[in-house]
Amino acid sequence: MKILHKDSCITCKKTISQLDRMKVDLQKRDFFKEPLSESELKKILKLAGKKPSEIIRKRDKMFKELNFEQKNYSESQIIKFMIKYPGLIQRPIIITKNKAHIGKVDPKKI
């Protein structure tokens, strides 16, 4: 199992802690230090069955600065913003063999 996270994110820390307690073999990657490529993000979206607009963090400062609520960005534009500003991506992202879980997830249900 892989987890894509941000070291300073409280939700990410809680999820990693839960997975560690469950003795899950876990690969960790801070996607702020090791950014996602566009193809990786597209693969994650496909595994999660989500559109980019469905996993955007509305609390991130770039959400307001890019005026997301007023603009009608295309899904491909949103992906490009997410690559440039990873804070726009909900986290953590847990990837199993054939599924991705994005945002607050109960690890016991994976």
N, C-alpha and C. Protein backbone atom coordinates (compact mmCIF):
# COMPACT_ATOMS: atom_id res chain seq x y z
N MET A 1 0.85 -1.17 0.00
CA MET A 1 0.00 0.00 0.00
C MET A 1 0.90 1.24 0.00
N LYS A 2 0.46 2.27 -0.71
CA LYS A 2 1.20 3.53 -0.74
C LYS A 2 0.35 4.63 -0.13
N ILE A 3 1.03 5.58 0.50
CA ILE A 3 0.31 6.77 0.97
C ILE A 3 1.07 7.99 0.49
N LEU A 4 0.34 8.87 -0.16
CA LEU A 4 0.89 10.15 -0.60
C LEU A 4 0.37 11.18 0.39
N HIS A 5 1.28 11.96 0.96
CA HIS A 5 0.90 12.81 2.07
C HIS A 5 1.73 14.09 2.10
N LYS A 6 1.46 14.90 3.12
CA LYS A 6 2.27 16.08 3.44
C LYS A 6 2.70 15.90 4.89
N ASP A 7 4.01 16.03 5.13
CA ASP A 7 4.55 15.78 6.47
C ASP A 7 3.85 16.56 7.57
N SER A 8 3.48 17.80 7.29
CA SER A 8 2.91 18.65 8.34
C SER A 8 1.38 18.57 8.44
N CYS A 9 0.75 17.76 7.61
CA CYS A 9 -0.72 17.64 7.59
C CYS A 9 -1.19 16.74 8.73
N ILE A 10 -2.05 17.27 9.58
CA ILE A 10 -2.54 16.52 10.74
C ILE A 10 -3.35 15.30 10.30
N THR A 11 -4.21 15.44 9.31
CA THR A 11 -5.00 14.31 8.82
C THR A 11 -4.08 13.21 8.29
N CYS A 12 -3.04 13.61 7.57
CA CYS A 12 -2.08 12.64 7.03
C CYS A 12 -1.39 11.91 8.17
N LYS A 13 -0.96 12.65 9.18
CA LYS A 13 -0.26 12.04 10.33
C LYS A 13 -1.16 11.02 11.03
N LYS A 14 -2.42 11.38 11.22
CA LYS A 14 -3.37 10.47 11.89
C LYS A 14 -3.56 9.20 11.07
N THR A 15 -3.69 9.36 9.75
CA THR A 15 -3.91 8.20 8.89
C THR A 15 -2.69 7.28 8.89
N ILE A 16 -1.49 7.87 8.78
CA ILE A 16 -0.26 7.07 8.80
C ILE A 16 -0.14 6.34 10.14
N SER A 17 -0.46 7.01 11.23
CA SER A 17 -0.40 6.40 12.55
C SER A 17 -1.35 5.21 12.64
N GLN A 18 -2.57 5.36 12.12
CA GLN A 18 -3.54 4.26 12.14
C GLN A 18 -3.03 3.08 11.32
N LEU A 19 -2.48 3.37 10.13
CA LEU A 19 -1.98 2.30 9.26
C LEU A 19 -0.78 1.60 9.91
N ASP A 20 0.08 2.37 10.58
CA ASP A 20 1.21 1.77 11.28
C ASP A 20 0.73 0.84 12.39
N ARG A 21 -0.30 1.27 13.14
CA ARG A 21 -0.86 0.42 14.20
C ARG A 21 -1.47 -0.86 13.64
N MET A 22 -1.96 -0.76 12.41
CA MET A 22 -2.56 -1.93 11.75
C MET A 22 -1.48 -2.83 11.13
N LYS A 23 -0.22 -2.44 11.27
CA LYS A 23 0.92 -3.21 10.74
C LYS A 23 0.85 -3.39 9.22
N VAL A 24 0.37 -2.34 8.53
CA VAL A 24 0.27 -2.37 7.07
C VAL A 24 1.66 -2.09 6.48
N ASP A 25 2.03 -2.85 5.45
CA ASP A 25 3.28 -2.58 4.74
C ASP A 25 3.03 -1.32 3.90
N LEU A 26 3.66 -0.24 4.28
CA LEU A 26 3.30 1.06 3.74
C LEU A 26 4.50 1.79 3.13
N GLN A 27 4.33 2.22 1.89
CA GLN A 27 5.32 3.09 1.25
C GLN A 27 4.81 4.51 1.41
N LYS A 28 5.65 5.39 1.96
CA LYS A 28 5.23 6.77 2.20
C LYS A 28 5.95 7.70 1.23
N ARG A 29 5.21 8.69 0.75
CA ARG A 29 5.79 9.70 -0.14
C ARG A 29 5.14 11.05 0.15
N ASP A 30 5.97 11.99 0.53
CA ASP A 30 5.50 13.37 0.72
C ASP A 30 5.47 14.02 -0.66
N PHE A 31 4.27 14.22 -1.20
CA PHE A 31 4.19 14.73 -2.57
C PHE A 31 4.44 16.23 -2.66
N PHE A 32 4.80 16.85 -1.55
CA PHE A 32 5.27 18.24 -1.58
C PHE A 32 6.78 18.25 -1.79
N LYS A 33 7.45 17.22 -1.30
CA LYS A 33 8.91 17.10 -1.47
C LYS A 33 9.25 16.35 -2.76
N GLU A 34 8.42 15.37 -3.10
CA GLU A 34 8.57 14.60 -4.34
C GLU A 34 7.27 14.78 -5.13
N PRO A 35 7.18 15.86 -5.91
CA PRO A 35 5.91 16.19 -6.59
C PRO A 35 5.41 15.09 -7.54
N LEU A 36 4.09 15.09 -7.68
CA LEU A 36 3.45 14.16 -8.61
C LEU A 36 3.64 14.68 -10.04
N SER A 37 3.75 13.75 -10.97
CA SER A 37 3.75 14.14 -12.38
C SER A 37 2.28 14.21 -12.82
N GLU A 38 2.07 14.81 -13.96
CA GLU A 38 0.70 14.90 -14.48
C GLU A 38 0.14 13.50 -14.74
N SER A 39 0.96 12.61 -15.28
CA SER A 39 0.47 11.25 -15.57
C SER A 39 0.16 10.49 -14.27
N GLU A 40 0.96 10.70 -13.21
CA GLU A 40 0.67 10.06 -11.92
C GLU A 40 -0.67 10.54 -11.37
N LEU A 41 -0.89 11.85 -11.43
CA LEU A 41 -2.14 12.41 -10.91
C LEU A 41 -3.33 11.88 -11.71
N LYS A 42 -3.20 11.79 -13.02
CA LYS A 42 -4.29 11.26 -13.85
C LYS A 42 -4.58 9.79 -13.50
N LYS A 43 -3.53 9.02 -13.23
CA LYS A 43 -3.71 7.61 -12.87
C LYS A 43 -4.43 7.51 -11.53
N ILE A 44 -4.05 8.35 -10.57
CA ILE A 44 -4.69 8.36 -9.26
C ILE A 44 -6.18 8.70 -9.40
N LEU A 45 -6.47 9.71 -10.20
CA LEU A 45 -7.87 10.10 -10.42
C LEU A 45 -8.66 8.95 -11.01
N LYS A 46 -8.05 8.24 -11.97
CA LYS A 46 -8.73 7.12 -12.60
C LYS A 46 -8.98 6.00 -11.57
N LEU A 47 -7.97 5.70 -10.74
CA LEU A 47 -8.13 4.67 -9.71
C LEU A 47 -9.19 5.05 -8.68
N ALA A 48 -9.33 6.35 -8.44
CA ALA A 48 -10.32 6.82 -7.46
C ALA A 48 -11.70 7.01 -8.08
N GLY A 49 -11.76 7.04 -9.41
CA GLY A 49 -13.04 7.28 -10.08
C GLY A 49 -13.52 8.70 -9.85
N LYS A 50 -12.57 9.64 -9.80
CA LYS A 50 -12.92 11.04 -9.51
C LYS A 50 -12.43 11.96 -10.62
N LYS A 51 -13.08 13.11 -10.71
CA LYS A 51 -12.63 14.20 -11.58
C LYS A 51 -11.75 15.12 -10.74
N PRO A 52 -10.83 15.84 -11.39
CA PRO A 52 -9.98 16.78 -10.64
C PRO A 52 -10.79 17.74 -9.76
N SER A 53 -11.89 18.24 -10.28
CA SER A 53 -12.71 19.20 -9.52
C SER A 53 -13.30 18.59 -8.25
N GLU A 54 -13.36 17.26 -8.17
CA GLU A 54 -13.93 16.58 -7.00
C GLU A 54 -12.91 16.41 -5.87
N ILE A 55 -11.62 16.58 -6.17
CA ILE A 55 -10.62 16.37 -5.12
C ILE A 55 -9.84 17.65 -4.80
N ILE A 56 -10.42 18.77 -5.16
CA ILE A 56 -9.72 20.04 -4.91
C ILE A 56 -9.95 20.49 -3.47
N ARG A 57 -8.90 21.00 -2.86
CA ARG A 57 -8.99 21.51 -1.48
C ARG A 57 -9.43 22.97 -1.54
N LYS A 58 -10.62 23.23 -1.11
CA LYS A 58 -11.16 24.59 -1.14
C LYS A 58 -10.55 25.47 -0.05
N ARG A 59 -9.91 24.87 0.95
CA ARG A 59 -9.31 25.66 2.03
C ARG A 59 -7.90 26.11 1.69
N ASP A 60 -7.34 25.63 0.61
CA ASP A 60 -5.97 26.04 0.23
C ASP A 60 -6.00 27.48 -0.26
N LYS A 61 -4.96 28.23 0.10
CA LYS A 61 -4.94 29.66 -0.27
C LYS A 61 -4.96 29.86 -1.78
N MET A 62 -4.39 28.92 -2.56
CA MET A 62 -4.39 29.07 -4.01
C MET A 62 -5.79 28.94 -4.59
N PHE A 63 -6.68 28.25 -3.89
CA PHE A 63 -8.06 28.12 -4.35
C PHE A 63 -8.68 29.51 -4.49
N LYS A 64 -8.44 30.36 -3.48
CA LYS A 64 -8.96 31.72 -3.51
C LYS A 64 -8.18 32.59 -4.48
N GLU A 65 -6.84 32.47 -4.45
CA GLU A 65 -6.01 33.30 -5.32
C GLU A 65 -6.28 33.05 -6.80
N LEU A 66 -6.60 31.80 -7.15
CA LEU A 66 -6.89 31.46 -8.54
C LEU A 66 -8.37 31.69 -8.87
N ASN A 67 -9.12 32.16 -7.88
CA ASN A 67 -10.52 32.54 -8.07
C ASN A 67 -11.37 31.38 -8.61
N PHE A 68 -11.18 30.20 -8.02
CA PHE A 68 -11.88 29.00 -8.50
C PHE A 68 -13.40 29.14 -8.49
N GLU A 69 -13.93 29.86 -7.50
CA GLU A 69 -15.39 29.94 -7.41
C GLU A 69 -16.00 30.77 -8.53
N GLN A 70 -15.23 31.69 -9.09
CA GLN A 70 -15.74 32.54 -10.16
C GLN A 70 -15.40 32.03 -11.56
N LYS A 71 -14.28 31.32 -11.64
CA LYS A 71 -13.80 30.85 -12.95
C LYS A 71 -14.38 29.48 -13.26
N ASN A 72 -14.47 29.19 -14.52
CA ASN A 72 -14.92 27.87 -14.95
C ASN A 72 -13.74 27.13 -15.58
N TYR A 73 -12.80 26.71 -14.75
CA TYR A 73 -11.63 26.02 -15.27
C TYR A 73 -12.00 24.64 -15.78
N SER A 74 -11.33 24.23 -16.87
CA SER A 74 -11.55 22.88 -17.39
C SER A 74 -10.85 21.88 -16.47
N GLU A 75 -11.21 20.62 -16.60
CA GLU A 75 -10.58 19.58 -15.78
C GLU A 75 -9.07 19.52 -16.06
N SER A 76 -8.66 19.70 -17.31
CA SER A 76 -7.23 19.65 -17.63
C SER A 76 -6.50 20.86 -17.04
N GLN A 77 -7.16 22.02 -16.99
CA GLN A 77 -6.55 23.19 -16.35
C GLN A 77 -6.38 22.94 -14.85
N ILE A 78 -7.39 22.32 -14.24
CA ILE A 78 -7.33 22.02 -12.81
C ILE A 78 -6.16 21.08 -12.51
N ILE A 79 -5.96 20.08 -13.36
CA ILE A 79 -4.82 19.15 -13.18
C ILE A 79 -3.51 19.93 -13.22
N LYS A 80 -3.38 20.84 -14.17
CA LYS A 80 -2.14 21.62 -14.29
C LYS A 80 -1.92 22.48 -13.04
N PHE A 81 -2.98 23.08 -12.51
CA PHE A 81 -2.87 23.85 -11.27
C PHE A 81 -2.45 22.94 -10.11
N MET A 82 -3.02 21.74 -10.05
CA MET A 82 -2.71 20.80 -8.96
C MET A 82 -1.24 20.37 -9.00
N ILE A 83 -0.70 20.22 -10.19
CA ILE A 83 0.71 19.86 -10.34
C ILE A 83 1.59 21.02 -9.87
N LYS A 84 1.20 22.22 -10.26
CA LYS A 84 1.98 23.42 -9.90
C LYS A 84 1.82 23.76 -8.42
N TYR A 85 0.62 23.59 -7.89
CA TYR A 85 0.30 23.93 -6.49
C TYR A 85 -0.29 22.69 -5.80
N PRO A 86 0.56 21.78 -5.31
CA PRO A 86 0.05 20.52 -4.74
C PRO A 86 -0.87 20.70 -3.53
N GLY A 87 -0.86 21.88 -2.91
CA GLY A 87 -1.77 22.14 -1.80
C GLY A 87 -3.23 22.09 -2.22
N LEU A 88 -3.48 22.16 -3.52
CA LEU A 88 -4.86 22.09 -4.03
C LEU A 88 -5.41 20.67 -4.03
N ILE A 89 -4.55 19.68 -3.80
CA ILE A 89 -4.97 18.28 -3.85
C ILE A 89 -5.36 17.82 -2.45
N GLN A 90 -6.56 17.25 -2.33
CA GLN A 90 -6.97 16.68 -1.04
C GLN A 90 -5.98 15.60 -0.65
N ARG A 91 -5.76 15.48 0.64
CA ARG A 91 -4.82 14.48 1.12
C ARG A 91 -5.32 13.89 2.42
N PRO A 92 -4.81 12.75 2.80
CA PRO A 92 -3.82 11.92 2.11
C PRO A 92 -4.46 11.15 0.96
N ILE A 93 -3.60 10.54 0.16
CA ILE A 93 -4.04 9.66 -0.93
C ILE A 93 -3.49 8.29 -0.61
N ILE A 94 -4.38 7.33 -0.46
CA ILE A 94 -3.97 5.95 -0.18
C ILE A 94 -4.22 5.14 -1.45
N ILE A 95 -3.16 4.45 -1.89
CA ILE A 95 -3.27 3.67 -3.11
C ILE A 95 -3.06 2.19 -2.79
N THR A 96 -4.05 1.40 -3.15
CA THR A 96 -3.93 -0.05 -3.03
C THR A 96 -3.70 -0.59 -4.44
N LYS A 97 -3.77 -1.88 -4.62
CA LYS A 97 -3.48 -2.46 -5.93
C LYS A 97 -4.30 -1.85 -7.06
N ASN A 98 -5.59 -1.69 -6.83
CA ASN A 98 -6.45 -1.24 -7.94
C ASN A 98 -7.42 -0.13 -7.55
N LYS A 99 -7.12 0.58 -6.46
CA LYS A 99 -8.02 1.63 -6.00
C LYS A 99 -7.22 2.74 -5.32
N ALA A 100 -7.73 3.96 -5.44
CA ALA A 100 -7.13 5.09 -4.72
C ALA A 100 -8.22 5.72 -3.86
N HIS A 101 -7.85 6.06 -2.63
CA HIS A 101 -8.76 6.70 -1.68
C HIS A 101 -8.17 8.07 -1.38
N ILE A 102 -8.97 9.10 -1.58
CA ILE A 102 -8.44 10.47 -1.47
C ILE A 102 -9.17 11.23 -0.37
N GLY A 103 -8.38 11.89 0.49
CA GLY A 103 -8.95 12.69 1.57
C GLY A 103 -9.11 11.87 2.84
N LYS A 104 -9.94 12.34 3.73
CA LYS A 104 -10.15 11.64 5.01
C LYS A 104 -10.81 10.29 4.73
N VAL A 105 -10.10 9.25 5.11
CA VAL A 105 -10.59 7.89 4.88
C VAL A 105 -10.31 7.08 6.14
N ASP A 106 -11.23 6.21 6.49
CA ASP A 106 -10.98 5.30 7.61
C ASP A 106 -10.16 4.13 7.06
N PRO A 107 -8.88 4.03 7.44
CA PRO A 107 -8.03 2.97 6.91
C PRO A 107 -8.57 1.56 7.13
N LYS A 108 -9.39 1.39 8.15
CA LYS A 108 -9.97 0.07 8.44
C LYS A 108 -10.94 -0.38 7.35
N LYS A 109 -11.45 0.59 6.58
CA LYS A 109 -12.44 0.28 5.56
C LYS A 109 -11.83 0.07 4.17
N ILE A 110 -10.50 0.10 4.13
CA ILE A 110 -9.83 -0.06 2.83
C ILE A 110 -9.57 -1.52 2.56
